[in-house]
Amino acid sequence: METVWVVGVGMTRFAKSDRSLRSLAVEATAAAVEDAEMQAGDIEAAFVGNGAAGLVTGQEMIKGQLMLRGAGIEGIPIFNIENACASASSALHLGWQAVASEMHDVVLCLGAEKLTHEDKTVGMRAISAAADVELLAERAAALGAEDAEDAAKRSYFMDVYAELTRAYMARSGATAEDFAAVAVKNQHNGGLNPRAQYGGDFTIEEILASRTIVEPLHLLMCSPISDGAAAVVLMSDAAKRRFGRPGARIRASVVVSGSRHDDSDPLAGSTGRAAAAAFEEAELEPTEIDFAELHDASAPAELMLYEQVGFASAGEGPALLASGKTALAGSMPVNASGGLLSKGHPIGATGLAQICELTWQLRGDAGARQVEGAKVGLAQNGGGWIEGDSAAMAVHILSSK
């Protein structure tokens, strides 16, 4: 199997904006091509992730072709990938397969999403469509008028995270203060990231004083509605030598789907299975990861993910956070970018934004948020929800050599 390298990366700032999906995609693509010191015409195939354009903008079927034509990329195979919040990671996985199998030497992977709309409920409904809509309809019908009106103001996934959080608190002893501490950490990191939607220094008290979304989640514990795009250029060993550019090596690329499992075992769900497969593929242990980008769509999710990825034992997520190891100055920083909480979460772009962050860190290009001694990084990105598990889950491991 051919070694695959991330050679060029590009990302827009994540934000609520008036920009079009195409303009965001073009900016990220052009930045990745420029970073790789190549031309758009050198790209042999493209894999484009997007989750919700059909529901938000009405554009379906040829999204990637339309996005990339503005970047001067046409005539080559262009594949459209929709896989909920894991759309961009799925695009990366397919691009990795194309190079690893020696089908292509140079490919582009792009993730782009526009969720803001003049009707604020449009983005919320689009995100909620990543769950079983028949069950959502049954749930809505069972709610009283007041509860239904309240639920319509937020993504269904905040209800999912709230339910998971309450169960996690019961079995681990985690507190609202623990979740607020995650938000404090990630908002601080986001303040050091010029591409992050938000960021700054907050206190635990300020996080807990923010508006309650659904108990026990507060506004600053939840990822925001975002627009943005991220892109990477993948190359084979031979192409990397030809272009003479440094890169980050993809040591593992794993995508799985959710399944029914034992909820009491943090390793039994899709995240645990994907992480285990990635560590096996990379021939590494969790203790050999220097830093990680985890899918903190809510602050409690980061603590749960510590355990599901294998960084902490069951119930020990709060203790790992309290130890300071996952802080930017710690021995294994998590979400140095600010994570979804601060950086933002344009769902079809998030997975590749994580890969951009890993690559910048591994190249020593992360500026004020640079992780000291970053040699091996992990990215975990999940999407959708079916019967107690993410519908799609991706774990990637990258290294500097």
Protein backbone atom coordinates (compact mmCIF):
# COMPACT_ATOMS: atom_id res chain seq x y z
CA MET A 1 0.00 0.00 0.00
CA GLU A 2 1.32 3.43 -0.97
CA THR A 3 2.24 5.89 1.78
CA VAL A 4 -0.06 8.92 1.71
CA TRP A 5 0.96 12.44 2.73
CA VAL A 6 -1.00 15.59 3.48
CA VAL A 7 1.09 18.13 1.59
CA GLY A 8 -1.12 21.19 1.24
CA VAL A 9 -3.79 22.52 3.62
CA GLY A 10 -6.20 25.44 3.44
CA MET A 11 -9.06 26.65 5.59
CA THR A 12 -11.34 29.65 5.77
CA ARG A 13 -12.17 31.34 9.02
CA PHE A 14 -15.27 29.69 10.45
CA ALA A 15 -18.05 32.22 11.10
CA LYS A 16 -21.64 33.17 10.52
CA SER A 17 -21.44 35.03 7.24
CA ASP A 18 -23.18 36.27 4.12
CA ARG A 19 -20.69 34.42 1.90
CA SER A 20 -21.79 31.74 -0.53
CA LEU A 21 -20.86 28.09 -0.20
CA ARG A 22 -18.90 28.35 -3.47
CA SER A 23 -16.79 31.28 -2.32
CA LEU A 24 -15.86 29.48 0.88
CA ALA A 25 -14.91 26.34 -1.05
CA VAL A 26 -12.83 28.29 -3.55
CA GLU A 27 -10.90 30.08 -0.79
CA ALA A 28 -10.01 26.86 1.05
CA THR A 29 -9.11 25.03 -2.17
CA ALA A 30 -6.92 27.83 -3.47
CA ALA A 31 -5.12 28.02 -0.11
CA ALA A 32 -4.43 24.27 -0.09
CA VAL A 33 -3.13 24.32 -3.68
CA GLU A 34 -0.91 27.31 -2.92
CA ASP A 35 0.34 25.69 0.29
CA ALA A 36 1.38 22.62 -1.73
CA GLU A 37 3.20 24.90 -4.21
CA MET A 38 1.43 23.32 -7.16
CA GLN A 39 -1.20 24.21 -9.74
CA ALA A 40 -4.87 23.31 -9.77
CA GLY A 41 -4.19 21.38 -12.97
CA ASP A 42 -1.92 18.97 -11.05
CA ILE A 43 -4.91 17.53 -9.19
CA GLU A 44 -6.00 14.18 -10.60
CA ALA A 45 -9.25 13.64 -8.65
CA ALA A 46 -11.29 15.42 -6.01
CA PHE A 47 -13.48 14.24 -3.14
CA VAL A 48 -15.93 16.82 -1.80
CA GLY A 49 -17.74 16.56 1.52
CA ASN A 50 -20.93 18.48 2.28
CA GLY A 51 -23.77 17.61 4.61
CA ALA A 52 -26.63 20.04 4.25
CA ALA A 53 -26.48 22.24 1.13
CA GLY A 54 -29.57 20.61 -0.31
CA LEU A 55 -31.58 21.58 2.76
CA VAL A 56 -30.06 25.03 3.28
CA THR A 57 -29.37 26.33 -0.24
CA GLY A 58 -31.40 23.90 -2.36
CA GLN A 59 -28.32 22.73 -4.29
CA GLU A 60 -28.01 18.97 -4.67
CA MET A 61 -26.28 16.33 -6.81
CA ILE A 62 -23.45 18.41 -8.37
CA LYS A 63 -22.25 20.39 -5.37
CA GLY A 64 -18.58 19.48 -5.74
CA GLN A 65 -18.45 20.24 -9.44
CA LEU A 66 -19.95 23.68 -8.85
CA MET A 67 -17.67 24.48 -5.91
CA LEU A 68 -14.48 23.43 -7.67
CA ARG A 69 -15.13 25.03 -11.05
CA GLY A 70 -14.62 28.40 -9.40
CA ALA A 71 -11.18 27.20 -8.27
CA GLY A 72 -10.22 26.19 -11.83
CA ILE A 73 -10.71 22.48 -11.23
CA GLU A 74 -12.81 20.64 -13.82
CA GLY A 75 -12.59 17.73 -16.20
CA ILE A 76 -11.27 15.33 -13.56
CA PRO A 77 -13.26 12.81 -11.49
CA ILE A 78 -15.13 14.74 -8.77
CA PHE A 79 -17.02 12.77 -6.14
CA ASN A 80 -19.69 14.19 -3.83
CA ILE A 81 -19.72 12.72 -0.32
CA GLU A 82 -22.52 13.22 2.18
CA ASN A 83 -22.06 11.56 5.57
CA ALA A 84 -23.50 13.95 8.17
CA CYS A 85 -20.87 15.69 10.33
CA ALA A 86 -18.33 13.12 9.12
CA SER A 87 -18.71 14.20 5.47
CA ALA A 88 -15.27 15.82 5.23
CA SER A 89 -13.55 12.97 7.08
CA SER A 90 -15.25 10.52 4.73
CA ALA A 91 -13.97 12.54 1.75
CA LEU A 92 -10.48 12.32 3.23
CA HIS A 93 -10.82 8.57 3.72
CA LEU A 94 -11.81 8.07 0.08
CA GLY A 95 -9.02 10.36 -1.11
CA TRP A 96 -6.57 8.40 1.03
CA GLN A 97 -7.82 5.15 -0.53
CA ALA A 98 -7.34 6.57 -4.02
CA VAL A 99 -3.68 7.40 -3.35
CA ALA A 100 -2.91 4.38 -1.12
CA SER A 101 -4.22 2.05 -3.84
CA GLU A 102 -2.04 3.84 -6.43
CA MET A 103 -5.08 4.87 -8.45
CA HIS A 104 -3.92 8.52 -8.23
CA ASP A 105 -0.80 10.38 -7.11
CA VAL A 106 -2.33 13.77 -6.28
CA VAL A 107 -5.89 14.32 -5.04
CA LEU A 108 -7.86 17.10 -3.40
CA CYS A 109 -10.19 16.57 -0.45
CA LEU A 110 -12.57 19.42 0.32
CA GLY A 111 -15.22 19.93 2.97
CA ALA A 112 -17.55 22.93 2.86
CA GLU A 113 -20.76 23.96 4.55
CA LYS A 114 -23.07 26.96 4.81
CA LEU A 115 -25.55 26.70 7.68
CA THR A 116 -26.53 30.32 8.28
CA HIS A 117 -29.83 31.42 6.75
CA GLU A 118 -32.16 34.38 7.15
CA ASP A 119 -34.55 31.92 8.79
CA LYS A 120 -32.57 30.73 11.80
CA THR A 121 -34.53 27.48 12.03
CA VAL A 122 -33.30 26.31 8.61
CA GLY A 123 -29.81 25.44 9.83
CA MET A 124 -31.19 23.76 12.94
CA ARG A 125 -33.58 21.60 10.90
CA ALA A 126 -30.78 20.69 8.48
CA ILE A 127 -28.57 19.45 11.31
CA SER A 128 -31.45 17.52 12.87
CA ALA A 129 -31.96 15.70 9.55
CA ALA A 130 -28.86 13.65 10.44
CA ALA A 131 -31.14 11.62 12.74
CA ASP A 132 -34.03 9.28 11.92
CA VAL A 133 -36.68 11.73 10.72
CA GLU A 134 -39.51 9.24 11.27
CA LEU A 135 -38.57 8.97 14.94
CA LEU A 136 -38.22 12.74 15.14
CA ALA A 137 -41.75 13.12 13.79
CA GLU A 138 -43.08 10.65 16.37
CA ARG A 139 -41.22 12.49 19.11
CA ALA A 140 -42.58 15.86 18.01
CA ALA A 141 -46.13 14.49 17.93
CA ALA A 142 -45.75 13.24 21.49
CA LEU A 143 -44.60 16.60 22.84
CA GLY A 144 -46.97 19.20 24.18
CA ALA A 145 -47.26 22.50 22.33
CA GLU A 146 -44.91 24.33 24.69
CA ASP A 147 -42.25 21.60 24.64
CA ALA A 148 -42.48 21.29 20.84
CA GLU A 149 -41.97 25.04 20.42
CA ASP A 150 -38.96 24.91 22.75
CA ALA A 151 -37.41 21.93 20.92
CA ALA A 152 -37.78 23.68 17.54
CA LYS A 153 -35.40 26.40 18.70
CA ARG A 154 -32.42 24.07 18.94
CA SER A 155 -30.80 21.18 17.15
CA TYR A 156 -32.13 17.75 18.11
CA PHE A 157 -28.52 16.80 18.79
CA MET A 158 -28.42 19.07 21.83
CA ASP A 159 -31.23 16.93 23.26
CA VAL A 160 -29.17 13.83 22.46
CA TYR A 161 -26.07 15.27 24.13
CA ALA A 162 -28.09 16.37 27.16
CA GLU A 163 -29.45 12.84 27.62
CA LEU A 164 -25.98 11.32 27.21
CA THR A 165 -24.56 13.89 29.60
CA ARG A 166 -27.04 13.11 32.35
CA ALA A 167 -26.25 9.39 32.04
CA TYR A 168 -22.52 10.15 32.05
CA MET A 169 -22.84 12.27 35.18
CA ALA A 170 -24.62 9.41 36.95
CA ARG A 171 -21.93 6.83 36.17
CA SER A 172 -18.79 8.99 36.37
CA GLY A 173 -19.55 11.64 38.95
CA ALA A 174 -18.83 14.38 36.40
CA THR A 175 -20.26 17.77 37.29
CA ALA A 176 -21.46 20.83 35.42
CA GLU A 177 -18.25 22.51 36.58
CA ASP A 178 -16.23 19.83 34.77
CA PHE A 179 -18.08 20.58 31.53
CA ALA A 180 -17.60 24.30 32.04
CA ALA A 181 -13.86 23.67 32.49
CA VAL A 182 -13.76 22.02 29.05
CA ALA A 183 -15.40 25.11 27.56
CA VAL A 184 -12.94 27.39 29.38
CA LYS A 185 -10.01 25.41 27.95
CA ASN A 186 -11.29 25.31 24.40
CA GLN A 187 -12.42 28.94 24.31
CA HIS A 188 -8.94 29.94 25.47
CA ASN A 189 -7.36 27.89 22.68
CA GLY A 190 -9.77 29.34 20.12
CA GLY A 191 -8.66 32.81 21.12
CA LEU A 192 -5.20 31.87 19.81
CA ASN A 193 -6.58 30.62 16.47
CA PRO A 194 -7.18 33.32 13.83
CA ARG A 195 -9.53 30.98 11.93
CA ALA A 196 -11.76 30.25 14.93
CA GLN A 197 -15.29 31.61 15.07
CA TYR A 198 -15.06 32.48 18.74
CA GLY A 199 -12.50 32.38 21.53
CA GLY A 200 -11.38 34.19 24.63
CA ASP A 201 -10.79 33.81 28.32
CA PHE A 202 -13.83 32.84 30.37
CA THR A 203 -14.34 31.66 33.91
CA ILE A 204 -16.25 28.57 34.91
CA GLU A 205 -18.84 30.85 36.47
CA GLU A 206 -19.31 32.73 33.20
CA ILE A 207 -19.82 29.49 31.29
CA LEU A 208 -22.43 28.33 33.80
CA ALA A 209 -24.13 31.72 33.71
CA SER A 210 -24.71 31.52 29.95
CA ARG A 211 -28.21 30.66 28.78
CA THR A 212 -29.44 27.11 29.42
CA ILE A 213 -30.06 25.29 26.13
CA VAL A 214 -31.32 22.04 27.64
CA GLU A 215 -30.33 20.91 31.13
CA PRO A 216 -27.43 20.53 31.92
CA LEU A 217 -26.04 22.18 28.75
CA HIS A 218 -25.45 25.92 28.67
CA LEU A 219 -24.91 28.03 25.54
CA LEU A 220 -21.12 28.20 25.89
CA MET A 221 -20.98 24.42 26.24
CA CYS A 222 -22.48 23.93 22.75
CA SER A 223 -20.88 24.28 19.32
CA PRO A 224 -22.31 27.14 17.23
CA ILE A 225 -23.93 27.36 13.82
CA SER A 226 -21.07 28.04 11.40
CA ASP A 227 -20.12 28.54 7.75
CA GLY A 228 -16.71 27.50 6.44
CA ALA A 229 -14.54 25.27 4.31
CA ALA A 230 -11.31 23.28 4.65
CA ALA A 231 -9.23 21.47 2.05
CA VAL A 232 -6.16 19.26 1.85
CA VAL A 233 -3.96 18.01 -0.98
CA LEU A 234 -2.89 14.38 -0.66
CA MET A 235 0.17 12.99 -2.43
CA SER A 236 1.94 9.69 -2.85
CA ASP A 237 5.60 9.34 -1.87
CA ALA A 238 6.64 9.78 -5.49
CA ALA A 239 4.54 12.90 -5.98
CA LYS A 240 5.76 14.38 -2.70
CA ARG A 241 9.34 13.95 -3.85
CA ARG A 242 8.50 15.42 -7.25
CA PHE A 243 6.99 18.56 -5.76
CA GLY A 244 9.67 18.71 -3.06
CA ARG A 245 7.30 19.68 -0.28
CA PRO A 246 7.19 18.60 3.38
CA GLY A 247 4.07 16.83 4.56
CA ALA A 248 2.25 15.01 7.33
CA ARG A 249 1.99 11.25 6.91
CA ILE A 250 -1.40 9.58 7.23
CA ARG A 251 -0.64 6.65 9.52
CA ALA A 252 -4.27 5.50 9.81
CA SER A 253 -7.58 6.32 8.15
CA VAL A 254 -10.65 4.56 9.52
CA VAL A 255 -14.37 5.12 8.95
CA VAL A 256 -17.06 2.93 10.54
CA SER A 257 -20.81 3.12 11.02
CA GLY A 258 -22.68 2.98 14.29
CA SER A 259 -24.15 -0.17 15.79
CA ARG A 260 -26.17 -1.41 18.73
CA HIS A 261 -23.79 -1.89 21.65
CA ASP A 262 -23.35 -2.08 25.42
CA ASP A 263 -23.71 1.51 26.64
CA SER A 264 -21.78 0.74 29.82
CA ASP A 265 -18.60 0.03 27.83
CA PRO A 266 -17.08 3.26 26.42
CA LEU A 267 -15.03 1.27 23.91
CA ALA A 268 -17.98 -0.64 22.40
CA GLY A 269 -19.51 2.20 20.36
CA SER A 270 -18.42 3.53 17.00
CA THR A 271 -15.73 5.83 18.44
CA GLY A 272 -14.10 3.03 20.41
CA ARG A 273 -14.16 0.66 17.46
CA ALA A 274 -12.79 3.25 15.03
CA ALA A 275 -10.05 4.31 17.43
CA ALA A 276 -9.00 0.71 18.10
CA ALA A 277 -8.80 0.03 14.35
CA ALA A 278 -6.80 3.24 13.80
CA PHE A 279 -4.28 2.41 16.53
CA GLU A 280 -3.85 -1.07 15.05
CA GLU A 281 -3.40 0.34 11.54
CA ALA A 282 -0.87 2.91 12.75
CA GLU A 283 0.87 0.37 15.02
CA LEU A 284 0.60 2.82 17.90
CA GLU A 285 -0.87 2.95 21.41
CA PRO A 286 -3.02 5.77 22.82
CA THR A 287 -0.09 6.76 25.05
CA GLU A 288 1.97 7.56 21.93
CA ILE A 289 -0.40 10.33 20.77
CA ASP A 290 1.07 13.79 21.39
CA PHE A 291 -2.12 15.79 20.78
CA ALA A 292 -5.65 15.29 19.49
CA GLU A 293 -8.61 17.05 17.91
CA LEU A 294 -11.86 15.54 19.25
CA HIS A 295 -15.46 16.16 18.15
CA ASP A 296 -16.61 18.34 21.05
CA ALA A 297 -20.01 19.29 19.66
CA SER A 298 -20.84 19.77 23.32
CA ALA A 299 -18.41 20.22 26.21
CA PRO A 300 -19.41 16.96 27.98
CA ALA A 301 -18.68 15.07 24.75
CA GLU A 302 -14.97 15.80 25.11
CA LEU A 303 -14.83 14.04 28.49
CA MET A 304 -16.74 11.05 27.12
CA LEU A 305 -14.43 10.93 24.11
CA TYR A 306 -11.33 10.80 26.31
CA GLU A 307 -12.64 7.44 27.45
CA GLN A 308 -13.99 6.23 24.11
CA VAL A 309 -10.71 6.93 22.27
CA GLY A 310 -8.68 5.26 25.01
CA PHE A 311 -6.99 8.25 26.62
CA ALA A 312 -8.74 7.54 29.95
CA SER A 313 -10.42 4.58 31.62
CA ALA A 314 -14.18 4.42 32.06
CA GLY A 315 -15.35 7.23 34.32
CA GLU A 316 -11.92 8.87 34.42
CA GLY A 317 -12.54 11.63 31.85
CA PRO A 318 -13.02 14.33 34.51
CA ALA A 319 -9.80 13.28 36.26
CA LEU A 320 -7.84 13.50 33.01
CA LEU A 321 -9.16 17.01 32.43
CA ALA A 322 -8.39 18.04 36.02
CA SER A 323 -4.82 16.74 35.69
CA GLY A 324 -4.08 19.47 33.15
CA LYS A 325 -2.70 16.97 30.61
CA THR A 326 -5.22 17.99 27.93
CA ALA A 327 -4.56 21.74 28.32
CA LEU A 328 -2.46 23.48 25.70
CA ALA A 329 0.59 23.40 27.99
CA GLY A 330 -0.14 19.82 29.08
CA SER A 331 1.53 16.60 27.99
CA MET A 332 -1.28 15.73 25.51
CA PRO A 333 -3.28 18.80 24.46
CA VAL A 334 -6.80 18.19 23.17
CA ASN A 335 -8.47 20.66 20.82
CA ALA A 336 -5.60 23.13 20.58
CA SER A 337 -7.55 24.66 17.68
CA GLY A 338 -10.40 25.57 20.04
CA GLY A 339 -12.38 22.52 18.99
CA LEU A 340 -15.92 22.71 17.71
CA LEU A 341 -16.92 24.73 20.78
CA SER A 342 -14.74 27.70 19.84
CA LYS A 343 -13.48 27.14 16.31
CA GLY A 344 -17.02 26.46 15.07
CA HIS A 345 -18.77 23.54 13.42
CA PRO A 346 -19.77 23.89 9.74
CA ILE A 347 -20.68 20.23 9.69
CA GLY A 348 -19.46 19.27 6.22
CA ALA A 349 -16.07 20.95 6.79
CA THR A 350 -15.21 20.01 10.37
CA GLY A 351 -13.35 16.76 9.69
CA LEU A 352 -10.90 18.37 7.28
CA ALA A 353 -10.48 21.40 9.54
CA GLN A 354 -9.19 18.93 12.12
CA ILE A 355 -6.71 17.56 9.58
CA CYS A 356 -5.54 21.08 8.74
CA GLU A 357 -4.89 21.62 12.45
CA LEU A 358 -2.99 18.35 12.79
CA THR A 359 -0.84 19.24 9.78
CA TRP A 360 -0.06 22.76 11.01
CA GLN A 361 0.90 21.35 14.42
CA LEU A 362 3.09 18.62 12.93
CA ARG A 363 4.85 21.18 10.70
CA GLY A 364 5.33 23.59 13.60
CA ASP A 365 3.11 26.19 11.91
CA ALA A 366 0.41 26.60 14.57
CA GLY A 367 1.68 29.89 15.98
CA ALA A 368 0.59 30.83 19.50
CA ARG A 369 -1.25 27.52 19.97
CA GLN A 370 1.70 25.35 18.86
CA VAL A 371 1.94 22.07 20.75
CA GLU A 372 5.50 21.53 21.92
CA GLY A 373 7.07 18.39 20.51
CA ALA A 374 4.11 17.50 18.26
CA LYS A 375 5.05 14.37 16.33
CA VAL A 376 1.87 12.26 16.28
CA GLY A 377 -1.71 13.59 16.26
CA LEU A 378 -5.18 12.04 16.24
CA ALA A 379 -8.44 13.41 14.85
CA GLN A 380 -11.86 11.96 15.73
CA ASN A 381 -14.97 13.17 13.91
CA GLY A 382 -18.46 11.66 14.04
CA GLY A 383 -21.80 12.41 12.49
CA GLY A 384 -25.47 11.51 12.60
CA TRP A 385 -27.33 9.51 15.23
CA ILE A 386 -29.08 6.13 15.07
CA GLU A 387 -30.32 4.19 18.08
CA GLY A 388 -27.73 5.30 20.60
CA ASP A 389 -24.65 5.65 18.40
CA SER A 390 -23.17 7.96 15.80
CA ALA A 391 -24.21 6.98 12.29
CA ALA A 392 -20.71 7.60 10.91
CA MET A 393 -17.40 7.79 12.75
CA ALA A 394 -13.91 8.60 11.49
CA VAL A 395 -10.54 8.44 13.22
CA HIS A 396 -7.32 9.54 11.55
CA ILE A 397 -3.78 9.44 12.87
CA LEU A 398 -1.08 11.61 11.30
CA SER A 399 2.62 11.89 12.06
CA SER A 400 5.48 14.17 11.06
CA LYS A 401 7.37 11.32 9.40
